[in-house]
Amino acid sequence: MTTELKHLTATKYALSLHTTTPELGLAISNFAGDTRSQIWNLGRDLSSLIHRYLIEFIKPQTWADFSFIAVAKGPGGFTGTRIGVVTARTLGQQLDIPVFAISTLAAVAWAEVGKSQNIKTFAVEMPAQRGQIFVAIYQFEPDTSKLKVCLSDRVLTPEAWQKTLATWNTNYQLIQAQSGLAGTVTSILELANLDWQEGKFPNWSEALPYYGQHPVEL
């Protein structure tokens, strides 16, 4: 019975989506040796093509094979972020499985964790509209293999961000997230799996986008 249960667990998959830029990033894994990801630059065609690419990408798996969905919740482009989150919420609702909404900036930080030997704190910045920037600071905790949020995702002026960094009391690595963000779709999946392994089971309705700014200046 134990062997059978392990086999059932290993054959369950998870899917992640990254649509906060004009690129579509998809990743799938059973976290037992079968992982794949792909990126397409769809531009304005993202909204009309995402479902077609999803259906083709998950093969040979079927929707019944998934135990949870993960999605980049932003910050990022308003339209792309909304498309990704709505798609993930719809899948979660229809399949009755949890949906993990993961910060775009957290995924960028997580992608750097394995590359940095000594630095454990990551300050991430990304261009926003109207001369502002999206920022966050994360710390990797080796004991739990998780990211601790030291400064949650927010929008600051460059001056305020520099003041924050100048008074930060630990060594950090500054990461400028400007392009290729869809490539962190595997990080989205890995961060969601860490929460899944802790027994978290967020309802699809809890997956909300983080825009940070209103798309139109008020």
C-alpha atoms as a PDB file:
ATOM      1  CA  MET A   1       0.000   0.000   0.000  1.00  0.00           C
ATOM      2  CA  THR A   2       2.806   2.415   0.838  1.00  0.00           C
ATOM      3  CA  THR A   3       4.499   1.864  -2.512  1.00  0.00           C
ATOM      4  CA  GLU A   4       1.213   2.412  -4.316  1.00  0.00           C
ATOM      5  CA  LEU A   5       0.535   5.652  -2.477  1.00  0.00           C
ATOM      6  CA  LYS A   6       4.009   6.949  -3.301  1.00  0.00           C
ATOM      7  CA  HIS A   7       3.409   6.135  -6.936  1.00  0.00           C
ATOM      8  CA  LEU A   8       0.102   8.017  -6.937  1.00  0.00           C
ATOM      9  CA  THR A   9       1.775  11.035  -5.360  1.00  0.00           C
ATOM     10  CA  ALA A  10       4.607  10.995  -7.876  1.00  0.00           C
ATOM     11  CA  THR A  11       2.251  10.952 -10.839  1.00  0.00           C
ATOM     12  CA  LYS A  12       0.341  14.046  -9.721  1.00  0.00           C
ATOM     13  CA  TYR A  13       1.454  17.203 -11.497  1.00  0.00           C
ATOM     14  CA  ALA A  14       1.342  20.947 -10.949  1.00  0.00           C
ATOM     15  CA  LEU A  15       1.163  23.728 -13.533  1.00  0.00           C
ATOM     16  CA  SER A  16       2.407  27.308 -13.415  1.00  0.00           C
ATOM     17  CA  LEU A  17       1.679  30.314 -15.623  1.00  0.00           C
ATOM     18  CA  HIS A  18       3.626  33.546 -16.083  1.00  0.00           C
ATOM     19  CA  THR A  19       1.936  36.267 -18.124  1.00  0.00           C
ATOM     20  CA  THR A  20       3.029  39.523 -16.495  1.00  0.00           C
ATOM     21  CA  THR A  21       5.013  40.480 -19.617  1.00  0.00           C
ATOM     22  CA  PRO A  22       4.241  40.038 -23.355  1.00  0.00           C
ATOM     23  CA  GLU A  23       5.771  36.570 -22.993  1.00  0.00           C
ATOM     24  CA  LEU A  24       3.839  33.483 -21.954  1.00  0.00           C
ATOM     25  CA  GLY A  25       5.712  31.155 -19.636  1.00  0.00           C
ATOM     26  CA  LEU A  26       4.381  27.711 -18.739  1.00  0.00           C
ATOM     27  CA  ALA A  27       5.917  25.040 -16.510  1.00  0.00           C
ATOM     28  CA  ILE A  28       4.767  21.632 -15.379  1.00  0.00           C
ATOM     29  CA  SER A  29       6.253  19.183 -12.890  1.00  0.00           C
ATOM     30  CA  ASN A  30       5.481  16.181 -10.730  1.00  0.00           C
ATOM     31  CA  PHE A  31       8.511  17.081  -8.549  1.00  0.00           C
ATOM     32  CA  ALA A  32       9.765  13.560  -9.031  1.00  0.00           C
ATOM     33  CA  GLY A  33      11.961  13.933 -12.102  1.00  0.00           C
ATOM     34  CA  ASP A  34       9.478  15.042 -14.747  1.00  0.00           C
ATOM     35  CA  THR A  35       9.675  18.811 -15.248  1.00  0.00           C
ATOM     36  CA  ARG A  36       9.382  20.895 -18.388  1.00  0.00           C
ATOM     37  CA  SER A  37       8.864  24.553 -19.236  1.00  0.00           C
ATOM     38  CA  GLN A  38       8.522  26.726 -22.310  1.00  0.00           C
ATOM     39  CA  ILE A  39       8.290  30.411 -23.189  1.00  0.00           C
ATOM     40  CA  TRP A  40       6.570  32.107 -26.114  1.00  0.00           C
ATOM     41  CA  ASN A  41       6.667  35.788 -27.070  1.00  0.00           C
ATOM     42  CA  LEU A  42       2.999  36.317 -27.904  1.00  0.00           C
ATOM     43  CA  GLY A  43       2.732  40.067 -27.450  1.00  0.00           C
ATOM     44  CA  ARG A  44      -0.811  41.302 -28.021  1.00  0.00           C
ATOM     45  CA  ASP A  45      -1.931  37.814 -29.034  1.00  0.00           C
ATOM     46  CA  LEU A  46      -1.507  36.508 -25.470  1.00  0.00           C
ATOM     47  CA  SER A  47      -5.186  36.759 -24.598  1.00  0.00           C
ATOM     48  CA  SER A  48      -6.370  34.947 -27.722  1.00  0.00           C
ATOM     49  CA  LEU A  49      -3.699  32.226 -27.776  1.00  0.00           C
ATOM     50  CA  ILE A  50      -3.079  31.328 -24.120  1.00  0.00           C
ATOM     51  CA  HIS A  51      -5.722  28.590 -23.978  1.00  0.00           C
ATOM     52  CA  ARG A  52      -4.487  26.957 -27.190  1.00  0.00           C
ATOM     53  CA  TYR A  53      -0.905  26.910 -25.927  1.00  0.00           C
ATOM     54  CA  LEU A  54      -2.030  25.557 -22.560  1.00  0.00           C
ATOM     55  CA  ILE A  55      -3.895  22.636 -24.096  1.00  0.00           C
ATOM     56  CA  GLU A  56      -0.930  21.678 -26.269  1.00  0.00           C
ATOM     57  CA  PHE A  57       1.667  22.207 -23.546  1.00  0.00           C
ATOM     58  CA  ILE A  58       0.178  19.924 -20.902  1.00  0.00           C
ATOM     59  CA  LYS A  59       0.116  16.871 -23.196  1.00  0.00           C
ATOM     60  CA  PRO A  60       0.514  13.969 -22.518  1.00  0.00           C
ATOM     61  CA  GLN A  61      -0.924  14.954 -19.131  1.00  0.00           C
ATOM     62  CA  THR A  62      -4.611  15.772 -18.793  1.00  0.00           C
ATOM     63  CA  TRP A  63      -6.369  18.266 -16.539  1.00  0.00           C
ATOM     64  CA  ALA A  64      -7.228  15.455 -14.131  1.00  0.00           C
ATOM     65  CA  ASP A  65      -3.510  14.952 -13.440  1.00  0.00           C
ATOM     66  CA  PHE A  66      -3.048  18.298 -11.678  1.00  0.00           C
ATOM     67  CA  SER A  67      -2.993  18.773  -7.923  1.00  0.00           C
ATOM     68  CA  PHE A  68      -2.537  22.579  -7.952  1.00  0.00           C
ATOM     69  CA  ILE A  69      -2.041  25.632 -10.160  1.00  0.00           C
ATOM     70  CA  ALA A  70       0.495  28.435  -9.611  1.00  0.00           C
ATOM     71  CA  VAL A  71       0.476  31.839 -11.267  1.00  0.00           C
ATOM     72  CA  ALA A  72       2.583  34.989 -11.269  1.00  0.00           C
ATOM     73  CA  LYS A  73       0.321  37.566  -9.625  1.00  0.00           C
ATOM     74  CA  GLY A  74       2.425  40.628 -10.496  1.00  0.00           C
ATOM     75  CA  PRO A  75       3.724  43.216 -10.405  1.00  0.00           C
ATOM     76  CA  GLY A  76       3.902  43.507 -14.163  1.00  0.00           C
ATOM     77  CA  GLY A  77       1.830  44.617 -17.102  1.00  0.00           C
ATOM     78  CA  PHE A  78      -1.809  45.206 -16.185  1.00  0.00           C
ATOM     79  CA  THR A  79      -3.456  43.275 -19.022  1.00  0.00           C
ATOM     80  CA  GLY A  80      -1.062  40.320 -19.031  1.00  0.00           C
ATOM     81  CA  THR A  81      -1.192  39.928 -15.255  1.00  0.00           C
ATOM     82  CA  ARG A  82      -4.980  39.972 -15.308  1.00  0.00           C
ATOM     83  CA  ILE A  83      -5.113  37.334 -18.069  1.00  0.00           C
ATOM     84  CA  GLY A  84      -2.836  34.965 -16.167  1.00  0.00           C
ATOM     85  CA  VAL A  85      -4.630  35.298 -12.849  1.00  0.00           C
ATOM     86  CA  VAL A  86      -8.089  34.944 -14.421  1.00  0.00           C
ATOM     87  CA  THR A  87      -6.950  31.846 -16.317  1.00  0.00           C
ATOM     88  CA  ALA A  88      -5.485  30.281 -13.154  1.00  0.00           C
ATOM     89  CA  ARG A  89      -8.599  31.093 -11.133  1.00  0.00           C
ATOM     90  CA  THR A  90     -10.839  29.563 -13.801  1.00  0.00           C
ATOM     91  CA  LEU A  91      -8.761  26.379 -13.908  1.00  0.00           C
ATOM     92  CA  GLY A  92      -8.714  26.143 -10.142  1.00  0.00           C
ATOM     93  CA  GLN A  93     -12.462  26.568  -9.925  1.00  0.00           C
ATOM     94  CA  GLN A  94     -13.235  24.074 -12.687  1.00  0.00           C
ATOM     95  CA  LEU A  95     -10.765  21.452 -11.453  1.00  0.00           C
ATOM     96  CA  ASP A  96     -11.479  22.086  -7.763  1.00  0.00           C
ATOM     97  CA  ILE A  97      -7.786  22.414  -6.908  1.00  0.00           C
ATOM     98  CA  PRO A  98      -5.865  25.155  -5.076  1.00  0.00           C
ATOM     99  CA  VAL A  99      -4.357  28.157  -6.839  1.00  0.00           C
ATOM    100  CA  PHE A 100      -1.145  29.734  -5.529  1.00  0.00           C
ATOM    101  CA  ALA A 101      -0.615  33.376  -6.533  1.00  0.00           C
ATOM    102  CA  ILE A 102       3.125  34.060  -6.356  1.00  0.00           C
ATOM    103  CA  SER A 103       4.891  37.424  -6.493  1.00  0.00           C
ATOM    104  CA  THR A 104       6.791  38.148  -9.694  1.00  0.00           C
ATOM    105  CA  LEU A 105       9.560  39.714  -7.608  1.00  0.00           C
ATOM    106  CA  ALA A 106       9.730  36.719  -5.272  1.00  0.00           C
ATOM    107  CA  ALA A 107      10.222  34.459  -8.295  1.00  0.00           C
ATOM    108  CA  VAL A 108      13.089  36.649  -9.488  1.00  0.00           C
ATOM    109  CA  ALA A 109      14.723  36.436  -6.059  1.00  0.00           C
ATOM    110  CA  TRP A 110      14.213  32.664  -5.881  1.00  0.00           C
ATOM    111  CA  ALA A 111      15.914  32.219  -9.250  1.00  0.00           C
ATOM    112  CA  GLU A 112      19.037  33.830  -7.769  1.00  0.00           C
ATOM    113  CA  VAL A 113      19.163  31.746  -4.593  1.00  0.00           C
ATOM    114  CA  GLY A 114      21.074  28.861  -6.139  1.00  0.00           C
ATOM    115  CA  LYS A 115      23.564  31.193  -7.837  1.00  0.00           C
ATOM    116  CA  SER A 116      24.629  33.062  -4.700  1.00  0.00           C
ATOM    117  CA  GLN A 117      26.949  31.305  -2.277  1.00  0.00           C
ATOM    118  CA  ASN A 118      27.180  33.855   0.513  1.00  0.00           C
ATOM    119  CA  ILE A 119      24.507  36.498   0.004  1.00  0.00           C
ATOM    120  CA  LYS A 120      21.155  35.423   1.431  1.00  0.00           C
ATOM    121  CA  THR A 121      19.247  38.717   1.095  1.00  0.00           C
ATOM    122  CA  PHE A 122      17.926  39.843  -2.271  1.00  0.00           C
ATOM    123  CA  ALA A 123      16.668  43.335  -3.062  1.00  0.00           C
ATOM    124  CA  VAL A 124      14.632  43.238  -6.264  1.00  0.00           C
ATOM    125  CA  GLU A 125      13.662  46.258  -8.330  1.00  0.00           C
ATOM    126  CA  MET A 126      11.623  46.482 -11.511  1.00  0.00           C
ATOM    127  CA  PRO A 127      10.598  49.508 -13.609  1.00  0.00           C
ATOM    128  CA  ALA A 128       7.058  50.745 -13.039  1.00  0.00           C
ATOM    129  CA  GLN A 129       5.114  53.525 -14.707  1.00  0.00           C
ATOM    130  CA  ARG A 130       5.451  57.251 -14.172  1.00  0.00           C
ATOM    131  CA  GLY A 131       9.058  57.169 -13.033  1.00  0.00           C
ATOM    132  CA  GLN A 132       8.457  54.816 -10.115  1.00  0.00           C
ATOM    133  CA  ILE A 133       9.756  51.307  -9.438  1.00  0.00           C
ATOM    134  CA  PHE A 134       8.398  48.086  -7.995  1.00  0.00           C
ATOM    135  CA  VAL A 135      10.583  46.853  -5.148  1.00  0.00           C
ATOM    136  CA  ALA A 136      10.815  44.092  -2.565  1.00  0.00           C
ATOM    137  CA  ILE A 137      13.425  42.506  -0.316  1.00  0.00           C
ATOM    138  CA  TYR A 138      13.559  38.774   0.404  1.00  0.00           C
ATOM    139  CA  GLN A 139      15.829  36.651   2.560  1.00  0.00           C
ATOM    140  CA  PHE A 140      16.595  33.000   1.907  1.00  0.00           C
ATOM    141  CA  GLU A 141      16.426  30.884   5.054  1.00  0.00           C
ATOM    142  CA  PRO A 142      18.521  27.720   4.617  1.00  0.00           C
ATOM    143  CA  ASP A 143      16.885  25.961   7.573  1.00  0.00           C
ATOM    144  CA  THR A 144      13.466  26.034   5.921  1.00  0.00           C
ATOM    145  CA  SER A 145      14.614  26.421   2.296  1.00  0.00           C
ATOM    146  CA  LYS A 146      12.094  29.221   1.951  1.00  0.00           C
ATOM    147  CA  LEU A 147      12.040  32.935   1.220  1.00  0.00           C
ATOM    148  CA  LYS A 148      11.251  35.288   4.064  1.00  0.00           C
ATOM    149  CA  VAL A 149       9.590  38.558   3.112  1.00  0.00           C
ATOM    150  CA  CYS A 150      11.637  41.382   4.610  1.00  0.00           C
ATOM    151  CA  LEU A 151      10.050  44.180   2.573  1.00  0.00           C
ATOM    152  CA  SER A 152       6.796  43.299   0.833  1.00  0.00           C
ATOM    153  CA  ASP A 153       6.132  44.205  -2.793  1.00  0.00           C
ATOM    154  CA  ARG A 154       5.437  47.910  -3.177  1.00  0.00           C
ATOM    155  CA  VAL A 155       5.879  50.936  -5.428  1.00  0.00           C
ATOM    156  CA  LEU A 156       8.464  53.577  -4.524  1.00  0.00           C
ATOM    157  CA  THR A 157      10.208  56.500  -6.122  1.00  0.00           C
ATOM    158  CA  PRO A 158      13.861  55.813  -6.985  1.00  0.00           C
ATOM    159  CA  GLU A 159      14.855  58.233  -4.235  1.00  0.00           C
ATOM    160  CA  ALA A 160      12.803  56.454  -1.571  1.00  0.00           C
ATOM    161  CA  TRP A 161      14.182  53.086  -2.693  1.00  0.00           C
ATOM    162  CA  GLN A 162      17.764  54.311  -2.458  1.00  0.00           C
ATOM    163  CA  LYS A 163      17.084  55.633   1.023  1.00  0.00           C
ATOM    164  CA  THR A 164      15.656  52.242   2.033  1.00  0.00           C
ATOM    165  CA  LEU A 165      18.708  50.401   0.731  1.00  0.00           C
ATOM    166  CA  ALA A 166      21.106  52.871   2.327  1.00  0.00           C
ATOM    167  CA  THR A 167      19.701  52.110   5.758  1.00  0.00           C
ATOM    168  CA  TRP A 168      19.343  48.339   5.284  1.00  0.00           C
ATOM    169  CA  ASN A 169      21.270  46.576   8.033  1.00  0.00           C
ATOM    170  CA  THR A 170      22.365  43.388   6.232  1.00  0.00           C
ATOM    171  CA  ASN A 171      24.379  42.630   3.137  1.00  0.00           C
ATOM    172  CA  TYR A 172      22.184  42.190   0.106  1.00  0.00           C
ATOM    173  CA  GLN A 173      22.333  41.499  -3.600  1.00  0.00           C
ATOM    174  CA  LEU A 174      20.537  44.039  -5.782  1.00  0.00           C
ATOM    175  CA  ILE A 175      18.662  42.441  -8.668  1.00  0.00           C
ATOM    176  CA  GLN A 176      17.265  44.503 -11.534  1.00  0.00           C
ATOM    177  CA  ALA A 177      14.329  42.642 -13.056  1.00  0.00           C
ATOM    178  CA  GLN A 178      13.872  44.119 -16.499  1.00  0.00           C
ATOM    179  CA  SER A 179      13.505  41.380 -19.103  1.00  0.00           C
ATOM    180  CA  GLY A 180      13.041  37.645 -19.449  1.00  0.00           C
ATOM    181  CA  LEU A 181      10.724  37.473 -16.446  1.00  0.00           C
ATOM    182  CA  ALA A 182       8.677  34.654 -17.960  1.00  0.00           C
ATOM    183  CA  GLY A 183      11.788  32.521 -17.562  1.00  0.00           C
ATOM    184  CA  THR A 184      11.100  32.459 -13.817  1.00  0.00           C
ATOM    185  CA  VAL A 185       7.916  30.444 -14.388  1.00  0.00           C
ATOM    186  CA  THR A 186       9.731  27.441 -12.899  1.00  0.00           C
ATOM    187  CA  SER A 187      10.469  29.524  -9.795  1.00  0.00           C
ATOM    188  CA  ILE A 188       6.749  30.283  -9.540  1.00  0.00           C
ATOM    189  CA  LEU A 189       6.090  26.548  -9.545  1.00  0.00           C
ATOM    190  CA  GLU A 190       8.816  25.780  -6.991  1.00  0.00           C
ATOM    191  CA  LEU A 191       7.678  28.472  -4.552  1.00  0.00           C
ATOM    192  CA  ALA A 192       4.103  27.239  -4.793  1.00  0.00           C
ATOM    193  CA  ASN A 193       5.243  23.672  -4.159  1.00  0.00           C
ATOM    194  CA  LEU A 194       6.993  24.743  -0.947  1.00  0.00           C
ATOM    195  CA  ASP A 195       3.652  26.075   0.308  1.00  0.00           C
ATOM    196  CA  TRP A 196       1.866  22.966  -0.952  1.00  0.00           C
ATOM    197  CA  GLN A 197       4.274  20.751   0.970  1.00  0.00           C
ATOM    198  CA  GLU A 198       3.348  22.676   4.124  1.00  0.00           C
ATOM    199  CA  GLY A 199      -0.267  21.686   3.616  1.00  0.00           C
ATOM    200  CA  LYS A 200      -1.528  25.024   2.337  1.00  0.00           C
ATOM    201  CA  PHE A 201      -4.608  24.749   0.150  1.00  0.00           C
ATOM    202  CA  PRO A 202      -5.637  28.236  -1.063  1.00  0.00           C
ATOM    203  CA  ASN A 203      -9.001  28.448  -2.748  1.00  0.00           C
ATOM    204  CA  TRP A 204      -9.019  29.778  -6.297  1.00  0.00           C
ATOM    205  CA  SER A 205     -10.949  32.851  -5.113  1.00  0.00           C
ATOM    206  CA  GLU A 206      -7.971  33.886  -2.971  1.00  0.00           C
ATOM    207  CA  ALA A 207      -5.712  34.278  -6.026  1.00  0.00           C
ATOM    208  CA  LEU A 208      -5.694  38.016  -6.671  1.00  0.00           C
ATOM    209  CA  PRO A 209      -3.469  40.084  -8.953  1.00  0.00           C
ATOM    210  CA  TYR A 210      -1.040  42.637  -7.585  1.00  0.00           C
ATOM    211  CA  TYR A 211      -0.910  45.635  -9.908  1.00  0.00           C
ATOM    212  CA  GLY A 212       0.799  48.088  -7.579  1.00  0.00           C
ATOM    213  CA  GLN A 213      -0.289  51.011  -9.715  1.00  0.00           C
ATOM    214  CA  HIS A 214      -3.464  52.071 -11.447  1.00  0.00           C
ATOM    215  CA  PRO A 215      -3.027  51.504 -15.205  1.00  0.00           C
ATOM    216  CA  VAL A 216      -4.151  55.071 -15.904  1.00  0.00           C
ATOM    217  CA  GLU A 217      -2.743  58.103 -14.120  1.00  0.00           C
ATOM    218  CA  LEU A 218      -5.464  59.663 -11.985  1.00  0.00           C
END
